[in-house]
Amino acid sequence: MPQLALSVDLEGLDAEAVEDACFAAGALSVSYSDQRDDPILEPAPGEFRLWPSTRLQAVFAAEAASPALLQELAAALGVEPARFRLESLADRAWEREWLKDFHALRCGRRLWICPSHEQVDEPGAVVVRLDPGLAFGTGTHPTTRLCLEWLDSRATPGIHVIDYGCGSGILAIAALKLGAASAAGHDIDPQALVASRDNAQTNGVADRLLLVEDADALQPGADLLIANILSGPLCELAPRFSRLLRAGGDLVLAGLLEAQVDEVIAAYAPWIDLSAWASLDGWVCLSGRARDPAGPQ
């Protein structure tokens, strides 16, 4: 179906108002992009934070984009029609466009994350099949990659793993493919649990992966707990994580920036001596072993 893309730089405009006006005018979708390569560091859960210089792009069916579209939007927002740019989009299978930019990724010595349209022929490769989806975790973000590299180099066969904030299930699935006996994944987002279940089935490990939305359903005694979430929740969860690990169990934390390392280490000090295991692009992965899983309450 032929489509048109309307774009506008949001300087001085309310993003929600522009988005609402576009949908009211018949937009099929709205997306945002950064125009100056400004970083957005750690938005709070559920927060939608824009870049200092943001461009909005709305896609319309060609027949819905009447000559009056620009005038209609300009009047609704109180700006000049020249503020908007309208261009034709090539007729493509958009649901497959991501394939061009998502390729097999090696994480460590033997672990690979591979989309469905590629193959890994490396001898001895441990391959996790994963396509991008709605849940976080494809291996391309530095925090996920650090966790995968830790698993590749340090995880031992036969262990029980907890993946806290499992997203796509990538870390639990990788641990199982590397020889873990069982894994439990927890996420507060129901879509993440659906994605984790589907990905586990694709990789043939669904029978060894327990997925729970209620964190209280997680059983203590884990040999490894791995959490790739934000630094604030990581600090708050220190007592819970210490109770879920067995004495001597490994804790791996990611999702924190270099400036947040000391705060997270201090939060776990009563139970676990954490240290930086590796860093990538300003992100840090911490690891340590539990001294006392009961710990102070």
Protein backbone atom coordinates (compact mmCIF):
# COMPACT_ATOMS: atom_id res chain seq x y z
CA MET A 1 0.00 0.00 0.00
CA PRO A 2 1.54 3.36 -1.01
CA GLN A 3 2.33 5.53 1.97
CA LEU A 4 3.49 9.05 2.75
CA ALA A 5 5.77 10.17 5.59
CA LEU A 6 5.21 13.53 7.24
CA SER A 7 8.04 14.82 9.41
CA VAL A 8 8.45 17.83 11.67
CA ASP A 9 11.16 18.98 14.06
CA LEU A 10 9.55 19.41 17.48
CA GLU A 11 11.48 22.48 18.62
CA GLY A 12 8.98 24.60 20.54
CA LEU A 13 6.14 22.12 20.00
CA ASP A 14 4.44 19.79 22.45
CA ALA A 15 5.17 16.23 21.30
CA GLU A 16 1.91 14.83 22.63
CA ALA A 17 -0.12 17.55 20.89
CA VAL A 18 1.63 16.90 17.57
CA GLU A 19 1.14 13.16 17.91
CA ASP A 20 -2.56 13.57 18.76
CA ALA A 21 -3.06 15.91 15.80
CA CYS A 22 -1.40 13.43 13.44
CA PHE A 23 -3.55 10.53 14.59
CA ALA A 24 -6.65 12.71 14.39
CA ALA A 25 -5.71 13.44 10.77
CA GLY A 26 -5.45 9.72 9.96
CA ALA A 27 -1.83 8.76 10.71
CA LEU A 28 -1.08 5.03 10.72
CA SER A 29 1.91 5.36 13.02
CA VAL A 30 4.13 7.92 14.73
CA SER A 31 7.82 7.60 15.59
CA TYR A 32 10.53 9.82 17.06
CA SER A 33 14.22 10.20 16.19
CA ASP A 34 17.23 12.08 17.54
CA GLN A 35 18.59 14.79 15.26
CA ARG A 36 21.87 15.54 17.09
CA ASP A 37 23.03 12.22 18.56
CA ASP A 38 22.18 13.34 22.11
CA PRO A 39 22.14 10.48 24.64
CA ILE A 40 19.15 9.71 26.85
CA LEU A 41 20.50 8.11 30.00
CA GLU A 42 18.35 5.80 32.07
CA PRO A 43 14.73 6.92 31.79
CA ALA A 44 12.60 5.81 34.72
CA PRO A 45 10.37 2.76 34.22
CA GLY A 46 7.39 3.77 32.11
CA GLU A 47 8.89 7.19 31.33
CA PHE A 48 9.01 8.41 27.73
CA ARG A 49 11.81 10.94 27.44
CA LEU A 50 12.59 12.86 24.23
CA TRP A 51 15.92 14.07 22.94
CA PRO A 52 16.76 17.80 23.10
CA SER A 53 16.42 17.90 19.30
CA THR A 54 13.66 15.48 18.29
CA ARG A 55 11.98 14.84 14.95
CA LEU A 56 8.52 13.30 14.73
CA GLN A 57 7.58 11.24 11.70
CA ALA A 58 4.00 10.22 10.98
CA VAL A 59 3.07 7.69 8.29
CA PHE A 60 -0.16 8.13 6.33
CA ALA A 61 -1.83 6.01 3.68
CA ALA A 62 -1.39 7.85 0.39
CA GLU A 63 -5.13 8.22 -0.10
CA ALA A 64 -5.52 9.72 3.38
CA ALA A 65 -2.94 12.43 2.72
CA SER A 66 -5.14 15.00 1.03
CA PRO A 67 -3.76 18.34 -0.21
CA ALA A 68 -5.30 19.92 2.88
CA LEU A 69 -3.34 17.69 5.30
CA LEU A 70 -0.51 20.16 5.96
CA GLN A 71 -2.94 23.06 6.37
CA GLU A 72 -5.07 20.99 8.76
CA LEU A 73 -2.13 20.08 10.96
CA ALA A 74 -0.64 23.56 10.84
CA ALA A 75 -3.93 25.10 11.93
CA ALA A 76 -4.36 22.58 14.76
CA LEU A 77 -0.89 23.31 16.10
CA GLY A 78 -0.67 27.02 15.34
CA VAL A 79 2.37 26.80 13.05
CA GLU A 80 3.13 27.46 9.40
CA PRO A 81 2.52 24.60 6.91
CA ALA A 82 6.13 25.00 5.74
CA ARG A 83 7.18 23.53 9.11
CA PHE A 84 6.15 20.09 7.82
CA ARG A 85 7.83 17.94 5.17
CA LEU A 86 5.90 15.34 3.21
CA GLU A 87 7.53 12.62 1.11
CA SER A 88 6.59 9.31 -0.48
CA LEU A 89 7.67 6.04 1.07
CA ALA A 90 8.75 3.12 -1.06
CA ASP A 91 6.33 0.21 -1.03
CA ARG A 92 8.23 -2.32 1.11
CA ALA A 93 7.50 -5.18 3.47
CA TRP A 94 8.06 -3.08 6.59
CA GLU A 95 7.63 -6.02 8.96
CA ARG A 96 10.84 -7.45 7.46
CA GLU A 97 12.88 -4.25 7.29
CA TRP A 98 14.64 -4.91 10.61
CA LEU A 99 16.29 -7.98 9.08
CA LYS A 100 18.73 -5.78 7.15
CA ASP A 101 20.26 -4.41 10.34
CA PHE A 102 20.08 -7.41 12.67
CA HIS A 103 22.77 -10.04 12.15
CA ALA A 104 24.34 -12.91 14.06
CA LEU A 105 26.33 -11.59 17.02
CA ARG A 106 29.16 -13.40 18.80
CA CYS A 107 29.23 -12.87 22.57
CA GLY A 108 32.43 -14.30 23.98
CA ARG A 109 34.18 -17.44 22.81
CA ARG A 110 31.29 -19.72 21.77
CA LEU A 111 27.94 -18.02 22.38
CA TRP A 112 26.06 -16.52 19.41
CA ILE A 113 22.76 -14.65 19.16
CA CYS A 114 21.38 -15.36 15.71
CA PRO A 115 18.21 -14.17 13.94
CA SER A 116 16.06 -16.60 12.00
CA HIS A 117 17.31 -15.45 8.59
CA GLU A 118 20.98 -16.28 9.25
CA GLN A 119 23.08 -19.30 10.14
CA VAL A 120 26.15 -19.76 12.34
CA ASP A 121 28.63 -22.33 11.03
CA GLU A 122 31.35 -21.76 13.66
CA PRO A 123 32.56 -25.11 15.12
CA GLY A 124 31.43 -25.52 18.73
CA ALA A 125 29.07 -22.54 18.56
CA VAL A 126 26.25 -22.32 21.11
CA VAL A 127 23.47 -20.56 19.21
CA VAL A 128 20.51 -18.71 20.67
CA ARG A 129 17.86 -18.09 18.00
CA LEU A 130 16.28 -14.70 18.54
CA ASP A 131 14.48 -12.14 16.39
CA PRO A 132 13.77 -8.58 17.55
CA GLY A 133 10.41 -8.15 19.25
CA LEU A 134 8.49 -6.01 21.72
CA ALA A 135 10.48 -7.14 24.77
CA PHE A 136 13.94 -5.80 25.59
CA GLY A 137 16.95 -8.00 24.89
CA THR A 138 18.48 -8.89 21.54
CA GLY A 139 22.15 -8.87 22.53
CA THR A 140 22.97 -5.66 20.68
CA HIS A 141 22.76 -3.33 23.69
CA PRO A 142 26.04 -3.15 25.67
CA THR A 143 24.38 -4.20 28.94
CA THR A 144 22.88 -7.35 27.41
CA ARG A 145 26.10 -8.17 25.61
CA LEU A 146 28.12 -7.87 28.84
CA CYS A 147 25.79 -10.33 30.56
CA LEU A 148 26.02 -12.75 27.65
CA GLU A 149 29.80 -12.58 27.67
CA TRP A 150 29.80 -13.27 31.42
CA LEU A 151 27.63 -16.34 30.84
CA ASP A 152 29.88 -17.54 28.04
CA SER A 153 33.01 -17.31 30.17
CA ARG A 154 31.79 -18.06 33.70
CA ALA A 155 28.53 -20.05 33.75
CA THR A 156 28.93 -23.70 34.72
CA PRO A 157 26.74 -26.65 33.67
CA GLY A 158 24.02 -27.97 35.96
CA ILE A 159 23.22 -24.71 37.76
CA HIS A 160 19.86 -23.12 38.55
CA VAL A 161 19.55 -19.58 37.22
CA ILE A 162 17.23 -16.67 37.97
CA ASP A 163 16.86 -14.05 35.24
CA TYR A 164 15.29 -11.08 37.04
CA GLY A 165 13.72 -8.67 34.56
CA CYS A 166 13.95 -11.26 31.81
CA GLY A 167 12.64 -9.16 28.89
CA SER A 168 12.96 -11.38 25.81
CA GLY A 169 14.35 -14.22 27.95
CA ILE A 170 17.69 -13.97 26.19
CA LEU A 171 19.85 -14.39 29.31
CA ALA A 172 17.93 -17.31 30.77
CA ILE A 173 17.82 -19.03 27.37
CA ALA A 174 21.55 -18.48 26.85
CA ALA A 175 22.30 -19.96 30.27
CA LEU A 176 20.18 -23.01 29.47
CA LYS A 177 21.85 -23.47 26.08
CA LEU A 178 25.21 -23.26 27.84
CA GLY A 179 24.24 -26.14 30.15
CA ALA A 180 22.22 -24.75 33.06
CA ALA A 181 19.86 -27.36 34.47
CA SER A 182 16.96 -24.96 34.96
CA ALA A 183 16.09 -21.29 34.96
CA ALA A 184 13.38 -19.02 36.28
CA GLY A 185 12.53 -15.76 34.56
CA HIS A 186 10.63 -12.89 36.12
CA ASP A 187 9.29 -9.72 34.55
CA ILE A 188 6.50 -7.32 35.50
CA ASP A 189 5.62 -6.85 31.82
CA PRO A 190 3.25 -9.60 30.58
CA GLN A 191 4.50 -9.07 27.02
CA ALA A 192 8.02 -9.93 28.18
CA LEU A 193 6.80 -13.24 29.58
CA VAL A 194 5.03 -14.03 26.30
CA ALA A 195 8.20 -13.18 24.35
CA SER A 196 10.36 -15.24 26.72
CA ARG A 197 8.06 -18.24 26.39
CA ASP A 198 8.02 -18.03 22.59
CA ASN A 199 11.80 -17.62 22.40
CA ALA A 200 12.33 -20.53 24.79
CA GLN A 201 10.18 -22.75 22.59
CA THR A 202 12.11 -21.66 19.50
CA ASN A 203 15.34 -22.65 21.23
CA GLY A 204 14.05 -25.97 22.60
CA VAL A 205 14.45 -25.06 26.29
CA ALA A 206 10.87 -24.22 27.30
CA ASP A 207 10.65 -27.34 29.49
CA ARG A 208 13.48 -26.03 31.68
CA LEU A 209 12.35 -22.40 31.95
CA LEU A 210 9.79 -21.30 34.55
CA LEU A 211 8.32 -17.84 33.91
CA VAL A 212 6.61 -15.88 36.70
CA GLU A 213 5.07 -12.42 36.89
CA ASP A 214 4.99 -12.45 40.71
CA ALA A 215 8.52 -12.08 42.07
CA ASP A 216 7.42 -13.75 45.33
CA ALA A 217 7.01 -16.97 43.36
CA LEU A 218 10.77 -17.18 42.80
CA GLN A 219 12.36 -19.85 44.96
CA PRO A 220 15.59 -19.19 46.91
CA GLY A 221 18.72 -21.24 46.45
CA ALA A 222 19.76 -20.04 42.98
CA ASP A 223 23.32 -20.73 41.87
CA LEU A 224 23.24 -17.63 39.66
CA LEU A 225 21.03 -14.55 39.65
CA ILE A 226 21.44 -12.21 36.74
CA ALA A 227 19.64 -8.87 36.42
CA ASN A 228 19.97 -6.40 33.57
CA ILE A 229 17.76 -3.55 34.77
CA LEU A 230 18.15 0.05 35.98
CA SER A 231 20.53 1.05 38.78
CA GLY A 232 17.75 2.38 41.03
CA PRO A 233 15.82 -0.91 41.13
CA LEU A 234 19.09 -2.82 41.43
CA CYS A 235 19.83 -0.96 44.68
CA GLU A 236 16.31 -1.46 46.02
CA LEU A 237 16.39 -5.18 45.24
CA ALA A 238 19.64 -5.92 47.10
CA PRO A 239 17.94 -7.61 50.11
CA ARG A 240 15.68 -9.69 47.85
CA PHE A 241 18.53 -10.81 45.62
CA SER A 242 20.62 -11.81 48.63
CA ARG A 243 17.78 -14.05 49.85
CA LEU A 244 17.32 -15.69 46.45
CA LEU A 245 20.96 -16.72 46.12
CA ARG A 246 22.51 -19.67 47.88
CA ALA A 247 25.70 -19.12 49.85
CA GLY A 248 28.45 -18.90 47.25
CA GLY A 249 25.99 -18.21 44.45
CA ASP A 250 26.95 -15.75 41.73
CA LEU A 251 25.29 -12.38 41.24
CA VAL A 252 25.62 -10.54 37.93
CA LEU A 253 24.21 -7.03 37.59
CA ALA A 254 24.04 -4.82 34.51
CA GLY A 255 22.12 -1.80 33.31
CA LEU A 256 24.25 0.73 35.15
CA LEU A 257 26.61 3.43 34.01
CA GLU A 258 30.13 3.97 35.29
CA ALA A 259 28.96 6.84 37.53
CA GLN A 260 26.47 4.51 39.26
CA VAL A 261 28.88 1.69 40.12
CA ASP A 262 29.82 2.84 43.64
CA GLU A 263 26.19 3.31 44.68
CA VAL A 264 25.22 -0.19 43.54
CA ILE A 265 28.26 -1.82 45.14
CA ALA A 266 27.44 -0.08 48.43
CA ALA A 267 23.84 -1.30 48.34
CA TYR A 268 25.00 -4.94 48.20
CA ALA A 269 27.91 -4.64 50.63
CA PRO A 270 26.08 -6.28 53.59
CA TRP A 271 25.68 -9.50 51.61
CA ILE A 272 27.88 -9.56 48.52
CA ASP A 273 31.26 -8.08 47.59
CA LEU A 274 30.63 -6.82 44.09
CA SER A 275 33.26 -5.59 41.68
CA ALA A 276 33.33 -4.48 38.07
CA TRP A 277 33.68 -7.50 35.82
CA ALA A 278 33.77 -5.66 32.49
CA SER A 279 32.59 -2.47 30.81
CA LEU A 280 31.46 -1.51 27.33
CA ASP A 281 30.60 1.92 25.90
CA GLY A 282 30.26 3.46 29.37
CA TRP A 283 28.11 0.62 30.76
CA VAL A 284 29.41 -1.67 33.51
CA CYS A 285 28.70 -5.26 34.50
CA LEU A 286 29.22 -6.12 38.18
CA SER A 287 29.65 -9.58 39.64
CA GLY A 288 30.22 -11.13 43.05
CA ARG A 289 29.39 -14.14 45.23
CA ALA A 290 26.87 -14.26 48.06
CA ARG A 291 28.25 -14.60 51.56
CA ASP A 292 24.95 -15.07 53.38
CA PRO A 293 21.72 -15.45 51.39
CA ALA A 294 19.61 -14.77 54.49
CA GLY A 295 21.36 -11.48 55.23
CA PRO A 296 19.97 -8.62 57.28
CA GLN A 297 16.23 -8.12 56.77
